[in-house]
Amino acid sequence: MRTAPTTWLGRFFNSTTKPDAPVAEPSVLTKSRQFGKPVTAIGGITIDNGEGLIRAGADLLAVVGGLFDGDVATVEERARRFSQLFAQHHPLFSSSVSQES
């Protein structure tokens, strides 16, 4: 039997792409780590609320509005800021950043 390569969980916040989906608590990210697969958080994720999901166990953030809503000229900057969230808060990246400092 084949299984999915990643676990997708959410919606965590109000979302225009999944407005009727039930709200998930960040603790499900932590609990899903037991399956040994990357965990993807989805639903209403922005620069302002993504850190908590990464700290709770998200390996990936599926982002639509948090990246593309707003000024088109700042999409690249928002993408960089999401990357910085992982560099600063995900154990895989933040430990290597700390060691290099």
PDB file of N, CA and C in Angstrom:
ATOM      1  N   MET A   1       0.836  -1.181   0.000  1.00  0.00           N
ATOM      2  CA  MET A   1       0.000   0.000   0.000  1.00  0.00           C
ATOM      3  C   MET A   1       0.882   1.246   0.000  1.00  0.00           C
ATOM      4  N   ARG A   2       0.595   2.170  -0.878  1.00  0.00           N
ATOM      5  CA  ARG A   2       1.337   3.429  -0.933  1.00  0.00           C
ATOM      6  C   ARG A   2       0.675   4.441  -0.014  1.00  0.00           C
ATOM      7  N   THR A   3       1.497   5.247   0.617  1.00  0.00           N
ATOM      8  CA  THR A   3       0.981   6.295   1.487  1.00  0.00           C
ATOM      9  C   THR A   3       1.416   7.649   0.961  1.00  0.00           C
ATOM     10  N   ALA A   4       0.754   8.677   1.407  1.00  0.00           N
ATOM     11  CA  ALA A   4       1.080  10.031   0.966  1.00  0.00           C
ATOM     12  C   ALA A   4       2.470  10.413   1.469  1.00  0.00           C
ATOM     13  N   PRO A   5       3.238  11.157   0.654  1.00  0.00           N
ATOM     14  CA  PRO A   5       4.584  11.547   1.064  1.00  0.00           C
ATOM     15  C   PRO A   5       4.605  12.642   2.132  1.00  0.00           C
ATOM     16  N   THR A   6       3.482  13.277   2.361  1.00  0.00           N
ATOM     17  CA  THR A   6       3.385  14.321   3.371  1.00  0.00           C
ATOM     18  C   THR A   6       1.991  14.311   3.984  1.00  0.00           C
ATOM     19  N   THR A   7       1.897  14.819   5.183  1.00  0.00           N
ATOM     20  CA  THR A   7       0.610  14.939   5.863  1.00  0.00           C
ATOM     21  C   THR A   7       0.161  16.388   5.759  1.00  0.00           C
ATOM     22  N   TRP A   8      -1.060  16.619   5.254  1.00  0.00           N
ATOM     23  CA  TRP A   8      -1.612  17.960   5.106  1.00  0.00           C
ATOM     24  C   TRP A   8      -2.662  18.178   6.190  1.00  0.00           C
ATOM     25  N   LEU A   9      -2.520  19.260   6.937  1.00  0.00           N
ATOM     26  CA  LEU A   9      -3.460  19.550   8.014  1.00  0.00           C
ATOM     27  C   LEU A   9      -3.917  21.004   7.966  1.00  0.00           C
ATOM     28  N   GLY A  10      -5.162  21.235   8.291  1.00  0.00           N
ATOM     29  CA  GLY A  10      -5.676  22.592   8.365  1.00  0.00           C
ATOM     30  C   GLY A  10      -7.130  22.606   7.940  1.00  0.00           C
ATOM     31  N   ARG A  11      -7.678  23.667   8.010  1.00  0.00           N
ATOM     32  CA  ARG A  11      -7.293  25.059   7.987  1.00  0.00           C
ATOM     33  C   ARG A  11      -7.078  25.546   9.415  1.00  0.00           C
ATOM     34  N   PHE A  12      -6.057  26.353   9.596  1.00  0.00           N
ATOM     35  CA  PHE A  12      -5.724  26.847  10.922  1.00  0.00           C
ATOM     36  C   PHE A  12      -6.293  28.231  11.208  1.00  0.00           C
ATOM     37  N   PHE A  13      -6.510  29.007  10.158  1.00  0.00           N
ATOM     38  CA  PHE A  13      -7.013  30.379  10.310  1.00  0.00           C
ATOM     39  C   PHE A  13      -8.068  30.625   9.238  1.00  0.00           C
ATOM     40  N   ASN A  14      -8.762  31.744   9.334  1.00  0.00           N
ATOM     41  CA  ASN A  14      -9.745  32.092   8.307  1.00  0.00           C
ATOM     42  C   ASN A  14      -9.071  32.086   6.949  1.00  0.00           C
ATOM     43  N   SER A  15      -9.756  31.497   5.985  1.00  0.00           N
ATOM     44  CA  SER A  15      -9.163  31.295   4.672  1.00  0.00           C
ATOM     45  C   SER A  15     -10.174  31.595   3.577  1.00  0.00           C
ATOM     46  N   THR A  16      -9.748  32.310   2.561  1.00  0.00           N
ATOM     47  CA  THR A  16     -10.630  32.578   1.425  1.00  0.00           C
ATOM     48  C   THR A  16     -10.694  31.381   0.494  1.00  0.00           C
ATOM     49  N   THR A  17      -9.680  30.514   0.510  1.00  0.00           N
ATOM     50  CA  THR A  17      -9.700  29.340  -0.366  1.00  0.00           C
ATOM     51  C   THR A  17     -10.416  28.151   0.264  1.00  0.00           C
ATOM     52  N   LYS A  18     -10.514  28.107   1.585  1.00  0.00           N
ATOM     53  CA  LYS A  18     -11.213  27.025   2.295  1.00  0.00           C
ATOM     54  C   LYS A  18     -12.087  27.619   3.405  1.00  0.00           C
ATOM     55  N   PRO A  19     -13.041  28.484   3.050  1.00  0.00           N
ATOM     56  CA  PRO A  19     -13.803  29.196   4.085  1.00  0.00           C
ATOM     57  C   PRO A  19     -14.695  28.309   4.951  1.00  0.00           C
ATOM     58  N   ASP A  20     -15.128  27.173   4.444  1.00  0.00           N
ATOM     59  CA  ASP A  20     -16.045  26.328   5.202  1.00  0.00           C
ATOM     60  C   ASP A  20     -15.367  25.141   5.879  1.00  0.00           C
ATOM     61  N   ALA A  21     -14.071  25.031   5.727  1.00  0.00           N
ATOM     62  CA  ALA A  21     -13.346  23.918   6.356  1.00  0.00           C
ATOM     63  C   ALA A  21     -13.313  24.122   7.868  1.00  0.00           C
ATOM     64  N   PRO A  22     -13.380  23.042   8.631  1.00  0.00           N
ATOM     65  CA  PRO A  22     -13.300  23.189  10.094  1.00  0.00           C
ATOM     66  C   PRO A  22     -11.918  23.688  10.512  1.00  0.00           C
ATOM     67  N   VAL A  23     -11.888  24.382  11.626  1.00  0.00           N
ATOM     68  CA  VAL A  23     -10.629  24.932  12.139  1.00  0.00           C
ATOM     69  C   VAL A  23      -9.851  23.831  12.857  1.00  0.00           C
ATOM     70  N   ALA A  24      -8.551  23.766  12.585  1.00  0.00           N
ATOM     71  CA  ALA A  24      -7.666  22.813  13.253  1.00  0.00           C
ATOM     72  C   ALA A  24      -6.833  23.551  14.295  1.00  0.00           C
ATOM     73  N   GLU A  25      -6.533  22.882  15.369  1.00  0.00           N
ATOM     74  CA  GLU A  25      -5.673  23.434  16.412  1.00  0.00           C
ATOM     75  C   GLU A  25      -4.214  23.121  16.071  1.00  0.00           C
ATOM     76  N   PRO A  26      -3.286  24.033  16.352  1.00  0.00           N
ATOM     77  CA  PRO A  26      -1.873  23.766  16.063  1.00  0.00           C
ATOM     78  C   PRO A  26      -1.329  22.499  16.712  1.00  0.00           C
ATOM     79  N   SER A  27      -1.944  22.047  17.776  1.00  0.00           N
ATOM     80  CA  SER A  27      -1.465  20.824  18.444  1.00  0.00           C
ATOM     81  C   SER A  27      -1.528  19.596  17.532  1.00  0.00           C
ATOM     82  N   VAL A  28      -2.393  19.605  16.508  1.00  0.00           N
ATOM     83  CA  VAL A  28      -2.440  18.452  15.598  1.00  0.00           C
ATOM     84  C   VAL A  28      -1.156  18.343  14.799  1.00  0.00           C
ATOM     85  N   LEU A  29      -0.466  19.464  14.598  1.00  0.00           N
ATOM     86  CA  LEU A  29       0.826  19.420  13.905  1.00  0.00           C
ATOM     87  C   LEU A  29       1.839  18.640  14.737  1.00  0.00           C
ATOM     88  N   THR A  30       1.865  18.925  16.020  1.00  0.00           N
ATOM     89  CA  THR A  30       2.780  18.237  16.929  1.00  0.00           C
ATOM     90  C   THR A  30       2.463  16.743  16.979  1.00  0.00           C
ATOM     91  N   LYS A  31       1.198  16.413  17.115  1.00  0.00           N
ATOM     92  CA  LYS A  31       0.781  15.012  17.203  1.00  0.00           C
ATOM     93  C   LYS A  31       1.067  14.241  15.918  1.00  0.00           C
ATOM     94  N   SER A  32       0.975  14.893  14.777  1.00  0.00           N
ATOM     95  CA  SER A  32       1.163  14.195  13.502  1.00  0.00           C
ATOM     96  C   SER A  32       2.626  13.861  13.222  1.00  0.00           C
ATOM     97  N   ARG A  33       3.553  14.403  13.997  1.00  0.00           N
ATOM     98  CA  ARG A  33       4.977  14.097  13.830  1.00  0.00           C
ATOM     99  C   ARG A  33       5.239  12.599  14.011  1.00  0.00           C
ATOM    100  N   GLN A  34       4.374  11.911  14.754  1.00  0.00           N
ATOM    101  CA  GLN A  34       4.560  10.484  15.023  1.00  0.00           C
ATOM    102  C   GLN A  34       4.529   9.634  13.759  1.00  0.00           C
ATOM    103  N   PHE A  35       3.970  10.154  12.670  1.00  0.00           N
ATOM    104  CA  PHE A  35       3.865   9.378  11.446  1.00  0.00           C
ATOM    105  C   PHE A  35       5.155   9.386  10.631  1.00  0.00           C
ATOM    106  N   GLY A  36       6.110  10.206  11.024  1.00  0.00           N
ATOM    107  CA  GLY A  36       7.410  10.211  10.370  1.00  0.00           C
ATOM    108  C   GLY A  36       7.422  10.775   8.961  1.00  0.00           C
ATOM    109  N   LYS A  37       6.459  11.613   8.653  1.00  0.00           N
ATOM    110  CA  LYS A  37       6.382  12.241   7.323  1.00  0.00           C
ATOM    111  C   LYS A  37       6.377  13.750   7.490  1.00  0.00           C
ATOM    112  N   PRO A  38       6.818  14.465   6.464  1.00  0.00           N
ATOM    113  CA  PRO A  38       6.725  15.926   6.544  1.00  0.00           C
ATOM    114  C   PRO A  38       5.277  16.358   6.760  1.00  0.00           C
ATOM    115  N   VAL A  39       5.103  17.407   7.528  1.00  0.00           N
ATOM    116  CA  VAL A  39       3.787  17.915   7.884  1.00  0.00           C
ATOM    117  C   VAL A  39       3.575  19.275   7.224  1.00  0.00           C
ATOM    118  N   THR A  40       2.478  19.401   6.492  1.00  0.00           N
ATOM    119  CA  THR A  40       2.143  20.647   5.814  1.00  0.00           C
ATOM    120  C   THR A  40       0.928  21.282   6.484  1.00  0.00           C
ATOM    121  N   ALA A  41       1.063  22.539   6.866  1.00  0.00           N
ATOM    122  CA  ALA A  41      -0.055  23.308   7.420  1.00  0.00           C
ATOM    123  C   ALA A  41      -0.685  24.120   6.296  1.00  0.00           C
ATOM    124  N   ILE A  42      -2.003  24.212   6.316  1.00  0.00           N
ATOM    125  CA  ILE A  42      -2.724  24.934   5.273  1.00  0.00           C
ATOM    126  C   ILE A  42      -3.878  25.712   5.895  1.00  0.00           C
ATOM    127  N   GLY A  43      -4.192  26.844   5.282  1.00  0.00           N
ATOM    128  CA  GLY A  43      -5.393  27.568   5.671  1.00  0.00           C
ATOM    129  C   GLY A  43      -5.186  28.877   6.387  1.00  0.00           C
ATOM    130  N   GLY A  44      -5.248  29.981   5.636  1.00  0.00           N
ATOM    131  CA  GLY A  44      -5.211  31.309   6.225  1.00  0.00           C
ATOM    132  C   GLY A  44      -3.855  31.717   6.788  1.00  0.00           C
ATOM    133  N   ILE A  45      -2.794  31.123   6.292  1.00  0.00           N
ATOM    134  CA  ILE A  45      -1.456  31.360   6.847  1.00  0.00           C
ATOM    135  C   ILE A  45      -0.854  32.636   6.271  1.00  0.00           C
ATOM    136  N   THR A  46      -0.306  33.433   7.180  1.00  0.00           N
ATOM    137  CA  THR A  46       0.344  34.695   6.817  1.00  0.00           C
ATOM    138  C   THR A  46       1.722  34.764   7.474  1.00  0.00           C
ATOM    139  N   ILE A  47       2.456  35.800   7.155  1.00  0.00           N
ATOM    140  CA  ILE A  47       3.742  36.052   7.808  1.00  0.00           C
ATOM    141  C   ILE A  47       3.534  36.178   9.319  1.00  0.00           C
ATOM    142  N   ASP A  48       2.445  36.787   9.712  1.00  0.00           N
ATOM    143  CA  ASP A  48       2.206  37.051  11.136  1.00  0.00           C
ATOM    144  C   ASP A  48       1.820  35.816  11.942  1.00  0.00           C
ATOM    145  N   ASN A  49       1.236  34.795  11.325  1.00  0.00           N
ATOM    146  CA  ASN A  49       0.814  33.631  12.107  1.00  0.00           C
ATOM    147  C   ASN A  49       1.567  32.345  11.757  1.00  0.00           C
ATOM    148  N   GLY A  50       2.451  32.404  10.781  1.00  0.00           N
ATOM    149  CA  GLY A  50       3.178  31.211  10.351  1.00  0.00           C
ATOM    150  C   GLY A  50       4.171  30.678  11.369  1.00  0.00           C
ATOM    151  N   GLU A  51       4.788  31.550  12.135  1.00  0.00           N
ATOM    152  CA  GLU A  51       5.794  31.121  13.108  1.00  0.00           C
ATOM    153  C   GLU A  51       5.241  30.087  14.085  1.00  0.00           C
ATOM    154  N   GLY A  52       4.065  30.327  14.619  1.00  0.00           N
ATOM    155  CA  GLY A  52       3.479  29.406  15.582  1.00  0.00           C
ATOM    156  C   GLY A  52       3.232  28.026  14.995  1.00  0.00           C
ATOM    157  N   LEU A  53       2.892  27.968  13.719  1.00  0.00           N
ATOM    158  CA  LEU A  53       2.663  26.678  13.069  1.00  0.00           C
ATOM    159  C   LEU A  53       3.978  25.924  12.860  1.00  0.00           C
ATOM    160  N   ILE A  54       5.022  26.656  12.510  1.00  0.00           N
ATOM    161  CA  ILE A  54       6.339  26.030  12.365  1.00  0.00           C
ATOM    162  C   ILE A  54       6.806  25.502  13.719  1.00  0.00           C
ATOM    163  N   ARG A  55       6.656  26.307  14.752  1.00  0.00           N
ATOM    164  CA  ARG A  55       7.061  25.879  16.101  1.00  0.00           C
ATOM    165  C   ARG A  55       6.244  24.678  16.585  1.00  0.00           C
ATOM    166  N   ALA A  56       4.996  24.582  16.119  1.00  0.00           N
ATOM    167  CA  ALA A  56       4.133  23.463  16.516  1.00  0.00           C
ATOM    168  C   ALA A  56       4.450  22.183  15.753  1.00  0.00           C
ATOM    169  N   GLY A  57       5.240  22.281  14.663  1.00  0.00           N
ATOM    170  CA  GLY A  57       5.631  21.075  13.946  1.00  0.00           C
ATOM    171  C   GLY A  57       5.474  21.100  12.441  1.00  0.00           C
ATOM    172  N   ALA A  58       5.011  22.196  11.864  1.00  0.00           N
ATOM    173  CA  ALA A  58       4.867  22.253  10.407  1.00  0.00           C
ATOM    174  C   ALA A  58       6.232  22.289   9.731  1.00  0.00           C
ATOM    175  N   ASP A  59       6.407  21.412   8.749  1.00  0.00           N
ATOM    176  CA  ASP A  59       7.612  21.414   7.924  1.00  0.00           C
ATOM    177  C   ASP A  59       7.427  22.273   6.684  1.00  0.00           C
ATOM    178  N   LEU A  60       6.179  22.436   6.293  1.00  0.00           N
ATOM    179  CA  LEU A  60       5.823  23.207   5.111  1.00  0.00           C
ATOM    180  C   LEU A  60       4.591  24.045   5.432  1.00  0.00           C
ATOM    181  N   LEU A  61       4.495  25.192   4.794  1.00  0.00           N
ATOM    182  CA  LEU A  61       3.301  26.036   4.897  1.00  0.00           C
ATOM    183  C   LEU A  61       2.729  26.189   3.497  1.00  0.00           C
ATOM    184  N   ALA A  62       1.487  25.766   3.302  1.00  0.00           N
ATOM    185  CA  ALA A  62       0.804  25.958   2.028  1.00  0.00           C
ATOM    186  C   ALA A  62       0.126  27.321   2.089  1.00  0.00           C
ATOM    187  N   VAL A  63       0.619  28.250   1.303  1.00  0.00           N
ATOM    188  CA  VAL A  63       0.186  29.644   1.401  1.00  0.00           C
ATOM    189  C   VAL A  63      -0.313  30.126   0.039  1.00  0.00           C
ATOM    190  N   VAL A  64      -1.493  30.729   0.032  1.00  0.00           N
ATOM    191  CA  VAL A  64      -2.015  31.359  -1.183  1.00  0.00           C
ATOM    192  C   VAL A  64      -2.197  32.851  -0.904  1.00  0.00           C
ATOM    193  N   GLY A  65      -3.216  33.199  -0.125  1.00  0.00           N
ATOM    194  CA  GLY A  65      -3.508  34.599   0.153  1.00  0.00           C
ATOM    195  C   GLY A  65      -2.381  35.310   0.870  1.00  0.00           C
ATOM    196  N   GLY A  66      -1.719  34.631   1.809  1.00  0.00           N
ATOM    197  CA  GLY A  66      -0.628  35.246   2.563  1.00  0.00           C
ATOM    198  C   GLY A  66       0.555  35.616   1.706  1.00  0.00           C
ATOM    199  N   LEU A  67       0.624  35.052   0.517  1.00  0.00           N
ATOM    200  CA  LEU A  67       1.708  35.376  -0.413  1.00  0.00           C
ATOM    201  C   LEU A  67       1.221  36.277  -1.541  1.00  0.00           C
ATOM    202  N   PHE A  68       0.058  35.970  -2.111  1.00  0.00           N
ATOM    203  CA  PHE A  68      -0.378  36.652  -3.321  1.00  0.00           C
ATOM    204  C   PHE A  68      -1.400  37.756  -3.127  1.00  0.00           C
ATOM    205  N   ASP A  69      -2.062  37.825  -1.971  1.00  0.00           N
ATOM    206  CA  ASP A  69      -2.993  38.933  -1.743  1.00  0.00           C
ATOM    207  C   ASP A  69      -2.206  40.209  -1.512  1.00  0.00           C
ATOM    208  N   GLY A  70      -2.733  41.299  -1.966  1.00  0.00           N
ATOM    209  CA  GLY A  70      -2.045  42.572  -1.753  1.00  0.00           C
ATOM    210  C   GLY A  70      -1.272  43.009  -2.984  1.00  0.00           C
ATOM    211  N   ASP A  71      -0.286  43.826  -2.746  1.00  0.00           N
ATOM    212  CA  ASP A  71       0.498  44.443  -3.805  1.00  0.00           C
ATOM    213  C   ASP A  71       1.374  43.407  -4.517  1.00  0.00           C
ATOM    214  N   VAL A  72       1.200  43.305  -5.831  1.00  0.00           N
ATOM    215  CA  VAL A  72       1.966  42.347  -6.633  1.00  0.00           C
ATOM    216  C   VAL A  72       3.469  42.622  -6.528  1.00  0.00           C
ATOM    217  N   ALA A  73       3.846  43.853  -6.375  1.00  0.00           N
ATOM    218  CA  ALA A  73       5.257  44.214  -6.310  1.00  0.00           C
ATOM    219  C   ALA A  73       5.959  43.665  -5.073  1.00  0.00           C
ATOM    220  N   THR A  74       5.198  43.239  -4.062  1.00  0.00           N
ATOM    221  CA  THR A  74       5.825  42.765  -2.827  1.00  0.00           C
ATOM    222  C   THR A  74       5.734  41.247  -2.632  1.00  0.00           C
ATOM    223  N   VAL A  75       5.297  40.511  -3.655  1.00  0.00           N
ATOM    224  CA  VAL A  75       5.198  39.055  -3.548  1.00  0.00           C
ATOM    225  C   VAL A  75       6.567  38.443  -3.235  1.00  0.00           C
ATOM    226  N   GLU A  76       7.597  38.879  -3.935  1.00  0.00           N
ATOM    227  CA  GLU A  76       8.936  38.329  -3.706  1.00  0.00           C
ATOM    228  C   GLU A  76       9.402  38.588  -2.276  1.00  0.00           C
ATOM    229  N   GLU A  77       9.140  39.770  -1.769  1.00  0.00           N
ATOM    230  CA  GLU A  77       9.520  40.095  -0.394  1.00  0.00           C
ATOM    231  C   GLU A  77       8.772  39.214   0.604  1.00  0.00           C
ATOM    232  N   ARG A  78       7.486  38.984   0.372  1.00  0.00           N
ATOM    233  CA  ARG A  78       6.724  38.113   1.267  1.00  0.00           C
ATOM    234  C   ARG A  78       7.261  36.683   1.208  1.00  0.00           C
ATOM    235  N   ALA A  79       7.639  36.222   0.021  1.00  0.00           N
ATOM    236  CA  ALA A  79       8.218  34.876  -0.107  1.00  0.00           C
ATOM    237  C   ALA A  79       9.520  34.786   0.691  1.00  0.00           C
ATOM    238  N   ARG A  80      10.329  35.799   0.635  1.00  0.00           N
ATOM    239  CA  ARG A  80      11.574  35.817   1.420  1.00  0.00           C
ATOM    240  C   ARG A  80      11.280  35.778   2.919  1.00  0.00           C
ATOM    241  N   ARG A  81      10.259  36.504   3.332  1.00  0.00           N
ATOM    242  CA  ARG A  81       9.912  36.532   4.752  1.00  0.00           C
ATOM    243  C   ARG A  81       9.419  35.164   5.227  1.00  0.00           C
ATOM    244  N   PHE A  82       8.679  34.438   4.384  1.00  0.00           N
ATOM    245  CA  PHE A  82       8.283  33.076   4.748  1.00  0.00           C
ATOM    246  C   PHE A  82       9.526  32.190   4.875  1.00  0.00           C
ATOM    247  N   SER A  83      10.465  32.331   3.971  1.00  0.00           N
ATOM    248  CA  SER A  83      11.714  31.563   4.056  1.00  0.00           C
ATOM    249  C   SER A  83      12.461  31.877   5.342  1.00  0.00           C
ATOM    250  N   GLN A  84      12.455  33.134   5.729  1.00  0.00           N
ATOM    251  CA  GLN A  84      13.120  33.538   6.970  1.00  0.00           C
ATOM    252  C   GLN A  84      12.453  32.919   8.194  1.00  0.00           C
ATOM    253  N   LEU A  85      11.132  32.759   8.151  1.00  0.00           N
ATOM    254  CA  LEU A  85      10.440  32.100   9.265  1.00  0.00           C
ATOM    255  C   LEU A  85      11.003  30.698   9.485  1.00  0.00           C
ATOM    256  N   PHE A  86      11.212  29.969   8.401  1.00  0.00           N
ATOM    257  CA  PHE A  86      11.770  28.625   8.539  1.00  0.00           C
ATOM    258  C   PHE A  86      13.212  28.673   9.011  1.00  0.00           C
ATOM    259  N   ALA A  87      13.979  29.579   8.467  1.00  0.00           N
ATOM    260  CA  ALA A  87      15.387  29.699   8.869  1.00  0.00           C
ATOM    261  C   ALA A  87      15.512  30.013  10.355  1.00  0.00           C
ATOM    262  N   GLN A  88      14.585  30.764  10.885  1.00  0.00           N
ATOM    263  CA  GLN A  88      14.654  31.185  12.278  1.00  0.00           C
ATOM    264  C   GLN A  88      13.977  30.213  13.247  1.00  0.00           C
ATOM    265  N   HIS A  89      12.969  29.462  12.787  1.00  0.00           N
ATOM    266  CA  HIS A  89      12.133  28.727  13.738  1.00  0.00           C
ATOM    267  C   HIS A  89      12.001  27.229  13.504  1.00  0.00           C
ATOM    268  N   HIS A  90      12.392  26.721  12.357  1.00  0.00           N
ATOM    269  CA  HIS A  90      12.290  25.277  12.119  1.00  0.00           C
ATOM    270  C   HIS A  90      13.570  24.618  12.618  1.00  0.00           C
ATOM    271  N   PRO A  91      13.454  23.544  13.401  1.00  0.00           N
ATOM    272  CA  PRO A  91      14.649  22.928  13.986  1.00  0.00           C
ATOM    273  C   PRO A  91      15.686  22.484  12.961  1.00  0.00           C
ATOM    274  N   LEU A  92      15.248  22.050  11.799  1.00  0.00           N
ATOM    275  CA  LEU A  92      16.184  21.606  10.771  1.00  0.00           C
ATOM    276  C   LEU A  92      17.080  22.741  10.300  1.00  0.00           C
ATOM    277  N   PHE A  93      16.525  23.933  10.211  1.00  0.00           N
ATOM    278  CA  PHE A  93      17.277  25.070   9.703  1.00  0.00           C
ATOM    279  C   PHE A  93      17.857  25.934  10.804  1.00  0.00           C
ATOM    280  N   SER A  94      17.086  26.175  11.848  1.00  0.00           N
ATOM    281  CA  SER A  94      17.533  27.111  12.882  1.00  0.00           C
ATOM    282  C   SER A  94      18.742  26.587  13.639  1.00  0.00           C
ATOM    283  N   SER A  95      18.877  25.267  13.797  1.00  0.00           N
ATOM    284  CA  SER A  95      20.046  24.748  14.509  1.00  0.00           C
ATOM    285  C   SER A  95      21.304  24.945  13.682  1.00  0.00           C
ATOM    286  N   SER A  96      21.214  24.822  12.346  1.00  0.00           N
ATOM    287  CA  SER A  96      22.402  25.037  11.524  1.00  0.00           C
ATOM    288  C   SER A  96      22.748  26.518  11.456  1.00  0.00           C
ATOM    289  N   VAL A  97      21.750  27.397  11.494  1.00  0.00           N
ATOM    290  CA  VAL A  97      22.002  28.835  11.510  1.00  0.00           C
ATOM    291  C   VAL A  97      22.692  29.212  12.808  1.00  0.00           C
ATOM    292  N   SER A  98      22.230  28.634  13.933  1.00  0.00           N
ATOM    293  CA  SER A  98      22.827  28.935  15.241  1.00  0.00           C
ATOM    294  C   SER A  98      24.271  28.474  15.293  1.00  0.00           C
ATOM    295  N   GLN A  99      24.588  27.327  14.710  1.00  0.00           N
ATOM    296  CA  GLN A  99      25.923  26.795  14.741  1.00  0.00           C
ATOM    297  C   GLN A  99      26.893  27.625  13.901  1.00  0.00           C
ATOM    298  N   GLU A 100      26.360  28.234  12.821  1.00  0.00           N
ATOM    299  CA  GLU A 100      27.212  29.032  11.936  1.00  0.00           C
ATOM    300  C   GLU A 100      27.499  30.405  12.532  1.00  0.00           C
ATOM    301  N   SER A 101      26.660  30.891  13.445  1.00  0.00           N
ATOM    302  CA  SER A 101      26.821  32.234  13.993  1.00  0.00           C
ATOM    303  C   SER A 101      28.007  32.323  14.927  1.00  0.00           C
TER     304      SER A 101
END
